[in-house]
Amino acid sequence: MYSTKFSPLIIGTMRLGEWGANMRAEELEHFIDQCLEMGFIDFDHADIYGHYTEEGNFGRVLKRRPDLKKKLRITTKCGIKLVTERRPDHTLKSYDSTPAHILTSVDNSLKELGIEQIEVLLLHRPDYLMNVEEIAETFDRLRSSGKVQAFGVSNFTPAQVELLHSHTPLVTHQVEISLMHRNALENGILEQCQRLRIVPTAWSPFGGGAIFSDSQEAQHIRIKAVATKLGEKYNVGVDQVLLAWILKHPAGILPVVGSSKIERIKRAKAALEVRFSHEEWYELLEAAVGEEVP
């Protein structure tokens, strides 16, 4: 049985290249080294990041430093077809979970990253036309060939997870989770993860980051007031409070931290030590909702 012992935080790569920091190879190499020194060995990719360039950027670093391949683990995603000059055959944004697309995507990712095996492959978005039997057969083929260790999904509904998991084992489900985006607490996703022993990972754990601006949105003002108070008690910042709130959930949610700044990764690591009481957790929830829980 595949072990699902991920890092306590997942390092997101979406903003490291063309869609964000535009890191040079040497900067990216240094960033990877520092993350590994902190014990964060899981790096979250997707074929589409940077309009199909980020895997290649990462792969060029691994080519320069082949020793890193044995130190880190790669999660990547496929299934979204973006319209971009780098994929001239894509004429319309769509979702594709056909065997041909999955197999081609995996081969492309392995080539771009310069690795022999993907640790975990996720279907990036639910394809309304997905054939779960075909997907299961494709996953079996990829597992048997040694190209992929394990499989998961991202942004699926509980019913879609249930259906696919009944045909092929899933080890993780990546969804948007933050104090500002709490659907996973209410739609059954986290309960399902606990029941099926699927590891939930949270993308955008800071809710897009608007709370760190001078936002005058009432919700942001309420959350910042409570988070600042709790931060003073625990000697941490608002960002760390937001992560600690996610980390307290018994489903064992792992935040995907997508910053390109190593100082923010260090701050995220410190959030792992914060232990809120039940009332403090609900105080933050009340601030997000705007009223006491019913």
C-alpha atoms as a PDB file:
ATOM      1  CA  MET A   1       0.000   0.000   0.000  1.00  0.00           C
ATOM      2  CA  TYR A   2       1.344   3.432  -0.926  1.00  0.00           C
ATOM      3  CA  SER A   3       2.386   5.578   2.037  1.00  0.00           C
ATOM      4  CA  THR A   4       0.664   8.967   2.172  1.00  0.00           C
ATOM      5  CA  LYS A   5       3.156  10.613   4.524  1.00  0.00           C
ATOM      6  CA  PHE A   6       3.505  13.967   2.825  1.00  0.00           C
ATOM      7  CA  SER A   7       5.475  16.926   4.140  1.00  0.00           C
ATOM      8  CA  PRO A   8       3.555  18.927   6.789  1.00  0.00           C
ATOM      9  CA  LEU A   9       3.443  21.727   4.205  1.00  0.00           C
ATOM     10  CA  ILE A  10       3.399  21.335   0.423  1.00  0.00           C
ATOM     11  CA  ILE A  11       5.487  23.742  -1.666  1.00  0.00           C
ATOM     12  CA  GLY A  12       3.412  25.120  -4.534  1.00  0.00           C
ATOM     13  CA  THR A  13       5.241  25.981  -7.749  1.00  0.00           C
ATOM     14  CA  MET A  14       2.552  27.853  -9.689  1.00  0.00           C
ATOM     15  CA  ARG A  15       3.969  31.325  -8.950  1.00  0.00           C
ATOM     16  CA  LEU A  16       7.670  30.534  -9.213  1.00  0.00           C
ATOM     17  CA  GLY A  17       7.991  31.162 -12.938  1.00  0.00           C
ATOM     18  CA  GLU A  18       6.068  32.907 -15.700  1.00  0.00           C
ATOM     19  CA  TRP A  19       2.915  33.307 -13.601  1.00  0.00           C
ATOM     20  CA  GLY A  20       4.739  35.037 -10.775  1.00  0.00           C
ATOM     21  CA  ALA A  21       8.336  35.495  -9.655  1.00  0.00           C
ATOM     22  CA  ASN A  22      10.065  34.580 -12.936  1.00  0.00           C
ATOM     23  CA  MET A  23      12.864  32.932 -10.989  1.00  0.00           C
ATOM     24  CA  ARG A  24      16.153  32.360 -12.752  1.00  0.00           C
ATOM     25  CA  ALA A  25      17.543  28.824 -12.605  1.00  0.00           C
ATOM     26  CA  GLU A  26      20.042  29.652  -9.870  1.00  0.00           C
ATOM     27  CA  GLU A  27      17.337  31.357  -7.792  1.00  0.00           C
ATOM     28  CA  LEU A  28      15.042  28.374  -8.149  1.00  0.00           C
ATOM     29  CA  GLU A  29      17.846  25.999  -7.224  1.00  0.00           C
ATOM     30  CA  HIS A  30      18.562  27.983  -4.063  1.00  0.00           C
ATOM     31  CA  PHE A  31      14.852  28.090  -3.224  1.00  0.00           C
ATOM     32  CA  ILE A  32      14.544  24.305  -3.575  1.00  0.00           C
ATOM     33  CA  ASP A  33      17.608  23.715  -1.398  1.00  0.00           C
ATOM     34  CA  GLN A  34      16.232  25.925   1.352  1.00  0.00           C
ATOM     35  CA  CYS A  35      12.837  24.212   1.293  1.00  0.00           C
ATOM     36  CA  LEU A  36      14.523  20.826   1.566  1.00  0.00           C
ATOM     37  CA  GLU A  37      16.624  22.044   4.501  1.00  0.00           C
ATOM     38  CA  MET A  38      13.368  22.808   6.325  1.00  0.00           C
ATOM     39  CA  GLY A  39      12.064  19.307   5.643  1.00  0.00           C
ATOM     40  CA  PHE A  40       9.588  20.260   2.927  1.00  0.00           C
ATOM     41  CA  ILE A  41      10.211  17.677   0.226  1.00  0.00           C
ATOM     42  CA  ASP A  42       6.863  17.674  -1.596  1.00  0.00           C
ATOM     43  CA  PHE A  43       6.596  20.092  -4.545  1.00  0.00           C
ATOM     44  CA  ASP A  44       3.217  20.651  -6.159  1.00  0.00           C
ATOM     45  CA  HIS A  45       3.175  21.155  -9.946  1.00  0.00           C
ATOM     46  CA  ALA A  46       0.691  21.102 -12.804  1.00  0.00           C
ATOM     47  CA  ASP A  47       1.391  20.751 -16.499  1.00  0.00           C
ATOM     48  CA  ILE A  48      -0.376  24.046 -17.250  1.00  0.00           C
ATOM     49  CA  TYR A  49       1.597  26.229 -14.807  1.00  0.00           C
ATOM     50  CA  GLY A  50       3.326  29.098 -16.568  1.00  0.00           C
ATOM     51  CA  HIS A  51       1.400  28.177 -19.707  1.00  0.00           C
ATOM     52  CA  TYR A  52       3.152  24.791 -19.801  1.00  0.00           C
ATOM     53  CA  THR A  53       6.615  26.099 -18.836  1.00  0.00           C
ATOM     54  CA  GLU A  54       7.027  25.644 -15.078  1.00  0.00           C
ATOM     55  CA  GLU A  55       7.732  21.905 -15.138  1.00  0.00           C
ATOM     56  CA  GLY A  56      10.488  22.583 -17.664  1.00  0.00           C
ATOM     57  CA  ASN A  57      11.993  25.321 -15.497  1.00  0.00           C
ATOM     58  CA  PHE A  58      12.059  22.971 -12.529  1.00  0.00           C
ATOM     59  CA  GLY A  59      13.446  20.177 -14.680  1.00  0.00           C
ATOM     60  CA  ARG A  60      16.388  22.300 -15.816  1.00  0.00           C
ATOM     61  CA  VAL A  61      17.378  22.732 -12.175  1.00  0.00           C
ATOM     62  CA  LEU A  62      17.142  18.980 -11.594  1.00  0.00           C
ATOM     63  CA  LYS A  63      19.330  18.427 -14.629  1.00  0.00           C
ATOM     64  CA  ARG A  64      21.960  20.762 -13.161  1.00  0.00           C
ATOM     65  CA  ARG A  65      21.552  19.138  -9.752  1.00  0.00           C
ATOM     66  CA  PRO A  66      20.613  15.465 -10.226  1.00  0.00           C
ATOM     67  CA  ASP A  67      21.228  14.879  -6.492  1.00  0.00           C
ATOM     68  CA  LEU A  68      17.982  16.728  -5.810  1.00  0.00           C
ATOM     69  CA  LYS A  69      15.911  14.012  -7.485  1.00  0.00           C
ATOM     70  CA  LYS A  70      16.467  11.679  -4.547  1.00  0.00           C
ATOM     71  CA  LYS A  71      15.694  14.386  -2.002  1.00  0.00           C
ATOM     72  CA  LEU A  72      12.355  15.701  -3.235  1.00  0.00           C
ATOM     73  CA  ARG A  73       9.009  14.344  -4.402  1.00  0.00           C
ATOM     74  CA  ILE A  74       6.892  15.613  -7.269  1.00  0.00           C
ATOM     75  CA  THR A  75       3.131  15.910  -7.382  1.00  0.00           C
ATOM     76  CA  THR A  76       1.760  17.130 -10.688  1.00  0.00           C
ATOM     77  CA  LYS A  77      -1.633  17.501 -12.309  1.00  0.00           C
ATOM     78  CA  CYS A  78      -3.207  17.063 -15.717  1.00  0.00           C
ATOM     79  CA  GLY A  79      -6.624  17.304 -17.284  1.00  0.00           C
ATOM     80  CA  ILE A  80      -6.981  21.017 -18.047  1.00  0.00           C
ATOM     81  CA  LYS A  81      -6.440  22.008 -21.668  1.00  0.00           C
ATOM     82  CA  LEU A  82      -5.463  25.664 -21.865  1.00  0.00           C
ATOM     83  CA  VAL A  83      -5.572  27.698 -25.046  1.00  0.00           C
ATOM     84  CA  THR A  84      -2.001  28.901 -25.526  1.00  0.00           C
ATOM     85  CA  GLU A  85       0.549  29.189 -28.294  1.00  0.00           C
ATOM     86  CA  ARG A  86       2.452  26.384 -26.597  1.00  0.00           C
ATOM     87  CA  ARG A  87      -0.445  24.046 -27.280  1.00  0.00           C
ATOM     88  CA  PRO A  88      -1.660  25.111 -30.749  1.00  0.00           C
ATOM     89  CA  ASP A  89      -3.991  22.091 -30.991  1.00  0.00           C
ATOM     90  CA  HIS A  90      -6.062  23.430 -28.056  1.00  0.00           C
ATOM     91  CA  THR A  91      -8.778  25.579 -29.603  1.00  0.00           C
ATOM     92  CA  LEU A  92     -11.028  25.804 -26.522  1.00  0.00           C
ATOM     93  CA  LYS A  93     -10.408  25.617 -22.790  1.00  0.00           C
ATOM     94  CA  SER A  94     -11.766  22.271 -21.678  1.00  0.00           C
ATOM     95  CA  TYR A  95     -11.203  19.317 -19.367  1.00  0.00           C
ATOM     96  CA  ASP A  96      -9.928  16.008 -20.680  1.00  0.00           C
ATOM     97  CA  SER A  97      -9.584  12.793 -18.680  1.00  0.00           C
ATOM     98  CA  THR A  98      -9.366  10.422 -21.630  1.00  0.00           C
ATOM     99  CA  PRO A  99      -6.622   7.780 -21.518  1.00  0.00           C
ATOM    100  CA  ALA A 100      -4.828   9.379 -24.466  1.00  0.00           C
ATOM    101  CA  HIS A 101      -4.666  12.778 -22.787  1.00  0.00           C
ATOM    102  CA  ILE A 102      -3.593  11.417 -19.390  1.00  0.00           C
ATOM    103  CA  LEU A 103      -0.865   9.219 -20.872  1.00  0.00           C
ATOM    104  CA  THR A 104       0.461  11.992 -23.105  1.00  0.00           C
ATOM    105  CA  SER A 105       0.405  14.462 -20.213  1.00  0.00           C
ATOM    106  CA  VAL A 106       2.368  12.104 -17.968  1.00  0.00           C
ATOM    107  CA  ASP A 107       4.996  11.499 -20.635  1.00  0.00           C
ATOM    108  CA  ASN A 108       5.294  15.248 -21.199  1.00  0.00           C
ATOM    109  CA  SER A 109       5.638  15.927 -17.458  1.00  0.00           C
ATOM    110  CA  LEU A 110       8.290  13.249 -17.004  1.00  0.00           C
ATOM    111  CA  LYS A 111      10.232  14.669 -19.944  1.00  0.00           C
ATOM    112  CA  GLU A 112       9.920  18.295 -18.812  1.00  0.00           C
ATOM    113  CA  LEU A 113      10.853  17.509 -15.215  1.00  0.00           C
ATOM    114  CA  GLY A 114      13.605  15.110 -16.240  1.00  0.00           C
ATOM    115  CA  ILE A 115      12.503  12.457 -13.762  1.00  0.00           C
ATOM    116  CA  GLU A 116      11.665   8.773 -14.057  1.00  0.00           C
ATOM    117  CA  GLN A 117       8.635   8.741 -11.783  1.00  0.00           C
ATOM    118  CA  ILE A 118       5.923  11.115 -10.584  1.00  0.00           C
ATOM    119  CA  GLU A 119       5.117  10.600  -6.920  1.00  0.00           C
ATOM    120  CA  VAL A 120       1.443  11.575  -7.164  1.00  0.00           C
ATOM    121  CA  LEU A 121      -0.612  12.438 -10.259  1.00  0.00           C
ATOM    122  CA  LEU A 122      -3.803  14.449  -9.799  1.00  0.00           C
ATOM    123  CA  LEU A 123      -6.673  15.028 -12.177  1.00  0.00           C
ATOM    124  CA  HIS A 124      -6.707  18.817 -12.004  1.00  0.00           C
ATOM    125  CA  ARG A 125     -10.417  19.426 -12.537  1.00  0.00           C
ATOM    126  CA  PRO A 126     -13.392  17.109 -12.897  1.00  0.00           C
ATOM    127  CA  ASP A 127     -14.167  16.242 -16.491  1.00  0.00           C
ATOM    128  CA  TYR A 128     -17.942  15.992 -16.846  1.00  0.00           C
ATOM    129  CA  LEU A 129     -17.364  13.351 -19.517  1.00  0.00           C
ATOM    130  CA  MET A 130     -14.960  11.257 -17.436  1.00  0.00           C
ATOM    131  CA  ASN A 131     -15.200   7.511 -17.829  1.00  0.00           C
ATOM    132  CA  VAL A 132     -14.098   6.152 -14.457  1.00  0.00           C
ATOM    133  CA  GLU A 133     -13.407   2.651 -15.750  1.00  0.00           C
ATOM    134  CA  GLU A 134     -11.080   4.032 -18.412  1.00  0.00           C
ATOM    135  CA  ILE A 135      -9.379   6.279 -15.866  1.00  0.00           C
ATOM    136  CA  ALA A 136      -8.865   3.344 -13.491  1.00  0.00           C
ATOM    137  CA  GLU A 137      -7.349   1.253 -16.273  1.00  0.00           C
ATOM    138  CA  THR A 138      -5.077   4.155 -17.244  1.00  0.00           C
ATOM    139  CA  PHE A 139      -3.952   4.643 -13.642  1.00  0.00           C
ATOM    140  CA  ASP A 140      -3.215   0.908 -13.357  1.00  0.00           C
ATOM    141  CA  ARG A 141      -1.171   1.120 -16.534  1.00  0.00           C
ATOM    142  CA  LEU A 142       0.824   4.086 -15.248  1.00  0.00           C
ATOM    143  CA  ARG A 143       1.389   2.436 -11.876  1.00  0.00           C
ATOM    144  CA  SER A 144       2.488  -0.848 -13.427  1.00  0.00           C
ATOM    145  CA  SER A 145       4.905   0.921 -15.743  1.00  0.00           C
ATOM    146  CA  GLY A 146       6.490   2.719 -12.814  1.00  0.00           C
ATOM    147  CA  LYS A 147       5.731   6.156 -14.229  1.00  0.00           C
ATOM    148  CA  VAL A 148       3.429   7.166 -11.342  1.00  0.00           C
ATOM    149  CA  GLN A 149       3.383   5.985  -7.728  1.00  0.00           C
ATOM    150  CA  ALA A 150      -0.084   7.099  -6.643  1.00  0.00           C
ATOM    151  CA  PHE A 151      -3.093   9.132  -7.732  1.00  0.00           C
ATOM    152  CA  GLY A 152      -5.459  11.788  -6.521  1.00  0.00           C
ATOM    153  CA  VAL A 153      -7.811  14.526  -7.638  1.00  0.00           C
ATOM    154  CA  SER A 154      -8.233  18.261  -7.315  1.00  0.00           C
ATOM    155  CA  ASN A 155     -11.421  20.329  -7.076  1.00  0.00           C
ATOM    156  CA  PHE A 156     -13.758  17.318  -7.304  1.00  0.00           C
ATOM    157  CA  THR A 157     -17.144  17.011  -5.614  1.00  0.00           C
ATOM    158  CA  PRO A 158     -17.627  14.331  -2.941  1.00  0.00           C
ATOM    159  CA  ALA A 159     -19.807  12.327  -5.350  1.00  0.00           C
ATOM    160  CA  GLN A 160     -17.122  12.436  -8.057  1.00  0.00           C
ATOM    161  CA  VAL A 161     -14.464  11.323  -5.561  1.00  0.00           C
ATOM    162  CA  GLU A 162     -16.697   8.494  -4.336  1.00  0.00           C
ATOM    163  CA  LEU A 163     -17.278   7.276  -7.876  1.00  0.00           C
ATOM    164  CA  LEU A 164     -13.636   7.353  -8.954  1.00  0.00           C
ATOM    165  CA  HIS A 165     -12.312   5.981  -5.651  1.00  0.00           C
ATOM    166  CA  SER A 166     -14.648   3.000  -6.002  1.00  0.00           C
ATOM    167  CA  HIS A 167     -12.710   2.037  -9.160  1.00  0.00           C
ATOM    168  CA  THR A 168      -9.150   3.065  -8.270  1.00  0.00           C
ATOM    169  CA  PRO A 169      -7.535   4.115  -4.951  1.00  0.00           C
ATOM    170  CA  LEU A 170      -6.992   7.832  -4.449  1.00  0.00           C
ATOM    171  CA  VAL A 171      -4.522   9.115  -1.863  1.00  0.00           C
ATOM    172  CA  THR A 172      -5.162  12.872  -1.880  1.00  0.00           C
ATOM    173  CA  HIS A 173      -7.744  15.523  -2.758  1.00  0.00           C
ATOM    174  CA  GLN A 174      -6.598  19.096  -3.311  1.00  0.00           C
ATOM    175  CA  VAL A 175      -9.251  21.761  -2.828  1.00  0.00           C
ATOM    176  CA  GLU A 176      -9.452  25.440  -1.967  1.00  0.00           C
ATOM    177  CA  ILE A 177      -9.562  25.851   1.807  1.00  0.00           C
ATOM    178  CA  SER A 178      -9.085  28.991   3.858  1.00  0.00           C
ATOM    179  CA  LEU A 179     -10.917  31.067   6.440  1.00  0.00           C
ATOM    180  CA  MET A 180     -12.321  33.015   3.496  1.00  0.00           C
ATOM    181  CA  HIS A 181     -13.272  29.913   1.499  1.00  0.00           C
ATOM    182  CA  ARG A 182     -14.825  27.307   3.773  1.00  0.00           C
ATOM    183  CA  ASN A 183     -16.933  25.180   1.403  1.00  0.00           C
ATOM    184  CA  ALA A 184     -14.891  22.063   2.183  1.00  0.00           C
ATOM    185  CA  LEU A 185     -15.999  22.318   5.809  1.00  0.00           C
ATOM    186  CA  GLU A 186     -19.636  22.222   4.793  1.00  0.00           C
ATOM    187  CA  ASN A 187     -19.983  20.100   1.646  1.00  0.00           C
ATOM    188  CA  GLY A 188     -18.724  16.791   3.011  1.00  0.00           C
ATOM    189  CA  ILE A 189     -15.270  16.810   1.400  1.00  0.00           C
ATOM    190  CA  LEU A 190     -13.301  16.740   4.654  1.00  0.00           C
ATOM    191  CA  GLU A 191     -15.530  14.096   6.219  1.00  0.00           C
ATOM    192  CA  GLN A 192     -15.085  11.985   3.098  1.00  0.00           C
ATOM    193  CA  CYS A 193     -11.303  12.384   3.249  1.00  0.00           C
ATOM    194  CA  GLN A 194     -11.316  11.114   6.826  1.00  0.00           C
ATOM    195  CA  ARG A 195     -13.578   8.171   6.031  1.00  0.00           C
ATOM    196  CA  LEU A 196     -11.615   7.089   2.955  1.00  0.00           C
ATOM    197  CA  ARG A 197      -8.212   7.983   4.467  1.00  0.00           C
ATOM    198  CA  ILE A 198      -7.543  10.451   1.670  1.00  0.00           C
ATOM    199  CA  VAL A 199      -5.136  13.282   2.524  1.00  0.00           C
ATOM    200  CA  PRO A 200      -6.713  16.721   1.903  1.00  0.00           C
ATOM    201  CA  THR A 201      -4.390  19.470   0.685  1.00  0.00           C
ATOM    202  CA  ALA A 202      -5.443  23.113   0.645  1.00  0.00           C
ATOM    203  CA  TRP A 203      -4.654  25.424  -2.243  1.00  0.00           C
ATOM    204  CA  SER A 204      -4.882  29.180  -1.650  1.00  0.00           C
ATOM    205  CA  PRO A 205      -4.788  28.797   2.165  1.00  0.00           C
ATOM    206  CA  PHE A 206      -4.600  32.585   2.506  1.00  0.00           C
ATOM    207  CA  GLY A 207      -7.723  33.156   0.430  1.00  0.00           C
ATOM    208  CA  GLY A 208      -5.843  34.823  -2.400  1.00  0.00           C
ATOM    209  CA  GLY A 209      -3.907  37.163  -0.120  1.00  0.00           C
ATOM    210  CA  ALA A 210      -6.283  40.126  -0.220  1.00  0.00           C
ATOM    211  CA  ILE A 211      -6.479  40.083   3.557  1.00  0.00           C
ATOM    212  CA  PHE A 212      -2.853  41.231   3.707  1.00  0.00           C
ATOM    213  CA  SER A 213      -3.649  44.382   1.703  1.00  0.00           C
ATOM    214  CA  ASP A 214      -5.468  47.493   2.875  1.00  0.00           C
ATOM    215  CA  SER A 215      -8.753  45.782   2.081  1.00  0.00           C
ATOM    216  CA  GLN A 216     -11.766  47.455   3.658  1.00  0.00           C
ATOM    217  CA  GLU A 217     -13.965  44.436   3.132  1.00  0.00           C
ATOM    218  CA  ALA A 218     -15.863  43.812   6.364  1.00  0.00           C
ATOM    219  CA  GLN A 219     -14.891  40.145   6.536  1.00  0.00           C
ATOM    220  CA  HIS A 220     -11.197  40.921   6.155  1.00  0.00           C
ATOM    221  CA  ILE A 221     -11.350  43.575   8.864  1.00  0.00           C
ATOM    222  CA  ARG A 222     -13.048  41.145  11.282  1.00  0.00           C
ATOM    223  CA  ILE A 223     -10.587  38.329  10.572  1.00  0.00           C
ATOM    224  CA  LYS A 224      -7.549  40.593  10.883  1.00  0.00           C
ATOM    225  CA  ALA A 225      -8.772  41.917  14.237  1.00  0.00           C
ATOM    226  CA  VAL A 226      -9.161  38.436  15.735  1.00  0.00           C
ATOM    227  CA  ALA A 227      -6.031  37.075  14.039  1.00  0.00           C
ATOM    228  CA  THR A 228      -3.972  39.998  15.316  1.00  0.00           C
ATOM    229  CA  LYS A 229      -5.194  39.389  18.866  1.00  0.00           C
ATOM    230  CA  LEU A 230      -4.419  35.672  18.699  1.00  0.00           C
ATOM    231  CA  GLY A 231      -1.119  36.409  16.978  1.00  0.00           C
ATOM    232  CA  GLU A 232      -0.051  38.547  19.903  1.00  0.00           C
ATOM    233  CA  LYS A 233      -0.920  35.710  22.287  1.00  0.00           C
ATOM    234  CA  TYR A 234       1.038  33.106  20.334  1.00  0.00           C
ATOM    235  CA  ASN A 235       3.754  35.470  19.075  1.00  0.00           C
ATOM    236  CA  VAL A 236       2.939  34.871  15.397  1.00  0.00           C
ATOM    237  CA  GLY A 237       1.633  36.937  12.488  1.00  0.00           C
ATOM    238  CA  VAL A 238      -1.741  36.992  10.767  1.00  0.00           C
ATOM    239  CA  ASP A 239      -0.450  34.715   8.009  1.00  0.00           C
ATOM    240  CA  GLN A 240       0.600  32.109  10.559  1.00  0.00           C
ATOM    241  CA  VAL A 241      -2.750  32.340  12.326  1.00  0.00           C
ATOM    242  CA  LEU A 242      -4.545  31.601   9.061  1.00  0.00           C
ATOM    243  CA  LEU A 243      -2.424  28.496   8.492  1.00  0.00           C
ATOM    244  CA  ALA A 244      -2.756  27.302  12.089  1.00  0.00           C
ATOM    245  CA  TRP A 245      -6.545  27.532  11.764  1.00  0.00           C
ATOM    246  CA  ILE A 246      -6.415  25.132   8.788  1.00  0.00           C
ATOM    247  CA  LEU A 247      -3.906  22.827  10.442  1.00  0.00           C
ATOM    248  CA  LYS A 248      -6.079  22.270  13.524  1.00  0.00           C
ATOM    249  CA  HIS A 249      -8.748  20.398  11.568  1.00  0.00           C
ATOM    250  CA  PRO A 250      -8.758  16.654  12.379  1.00  0.00           C
ATOM    251  CA  ALA A 251      -8.775  15.720   8.688  1.00  0.00           C
ATOM    252  CA  GLY A 252      -5.067  16.563   8.669  1.00  0.00           C
ATOM    253  CA  ILE A 253      -5.232  19.252   5.995  1.00  0.00           C
ATOM    254  CA  LEU A 254      -1.856  20.077   4.431  1.00  0.00           C
ATOM    255  CA  PRO A 255      -1.604  23.660   3.142  1.00  0.00           C
ATOM    256  CA  VAL A 256      -0.042  24.243  -0.264  1.00  0.00           C
ATOM    257  CA  VAL A 257       2.138  27.300   0.277  1.00  0.00           C
ATOM    258  CA  GLY A 258       2.707  28.977  -3.053  1.00  0.00           C
ATOM    259  CA  SER A 259       5.094  31.775  -2.129  1.00  0.00           C
ATOM    260  CA  SER A 260       8.382  32.315  -3.942  1.00  0.00           C
ATOM    261  CA  LYS A 261       9.834  34.070  -0.880  1.00  0.00           C
ATOM    262  CA  ILE A 262      11.724  31.733   1.411  1.00  0.00           C
ATOM    263  CA  GLU A 263      11.006  33.950   4.426  1.00  0.00           C
ATOM    264  CA  ARG A 264       7.312  33.241   3.973  1.00  0.00           C
ATOM    265  CA  ILE A 265       8.025  29.521   3.840  1.00  0.00           C
ATOM    266  CA  LYS A 266       9.938  29.868   7.123  1.00  0.00           C
ATOM    267  CA  ARG A 267       6.994  31.710   8.647  1.00  0.00           C
ATOM    268  CA  ALA A 268       4.673  28.979   7.419  1.00  0.00           C
ATOM    269  CA  LYS A 269       6.865  26.394   9.133  1.00  0.00           C
ATOM    270  CA  ALA A 270       6.538  28.257  12.437  1.00  0.00           C
ATOM    271  CA  ALA A 271       2.746  28.007  12.125  1.00  0.00           C
ATOM    272  CA  LEU A 272       3.066  24.246  12.580  1.00  0.00           C
ATOM    273  CA  GLU A 273       3.826  24.863  16.269  1.00  0.00           C
ATOM    274  CA  VAL A 274       0.688  26.937  17.003  1.00  0.00           C
ATOM    275  CA  ARG A 275      -2.030  25.105  18.928  1.00  0.00           C
ATOM    276  CA  PHE A 276      -5.325  26.956  19.145  1.00  0.00           C
ATOM    277  CA  SER A 277      -7.995  26.011  21.631  1.00  0.00           C
ATOM    278  CA  HIS A 278     -11.412  24.977  20.322  1.00  0.00           C
ATOM    279  CA  GLU A 279     -12.851  28.366  21.288  1.00  0.00           C
ATOM    280  CA  GLU A 280     -10.064  30.240  19.516  1.00  0.00           C
ATOM    281  CA  TRP A 281     -10.659  28.203  16.357  1.00  0.00           C
ATOM    282  CA  TYR A 282     -14.360  29.048  16.496  1.00  0.00           C
ATOM    283  CA  GLU A 283     -13.590  32.687  17.254  1.00  0.00           C
ATOM    284  CA  LEU A 284     -11.792  32.884  13.913  1.00  0.00           C
ATOM    285  CA  LEU A 285     -14.663  31.079  12.211  1.00  0.00           C
ATOM    286  CA  GLU A 286     -17.136  33.521  13.711  1.00  0.00           C
ATOM    287  CA  ALA A 287     -15.056  36.430  12.416  1.00  0.00           C
ATOM    288  CA  ALA A 288     -15.074  34.911   8.921  1.00  0.00           C
ATOM    289  CA  VAL A 289     -18.816  34.232   8.924  1.00  0.00           C
ATOM    290  CA  GLY A 290     -19.794  37.511  10.591  1.00  0.00           C
ATOM    291  CA  GLU A 291     -22.033  35.975  13.253  1.00  0.00           C
ATOM    292  CA  GLU A 292     -21.910  33.318  15.916  1.00  0.00           C
ATOM    293  CA  VAL A 293     -22.242  29.739  14.739  1.00  0.00           C
ATOM    294  CA  PRO A 294     -25.884  28.557  14.730  1.00  0.00           C
END
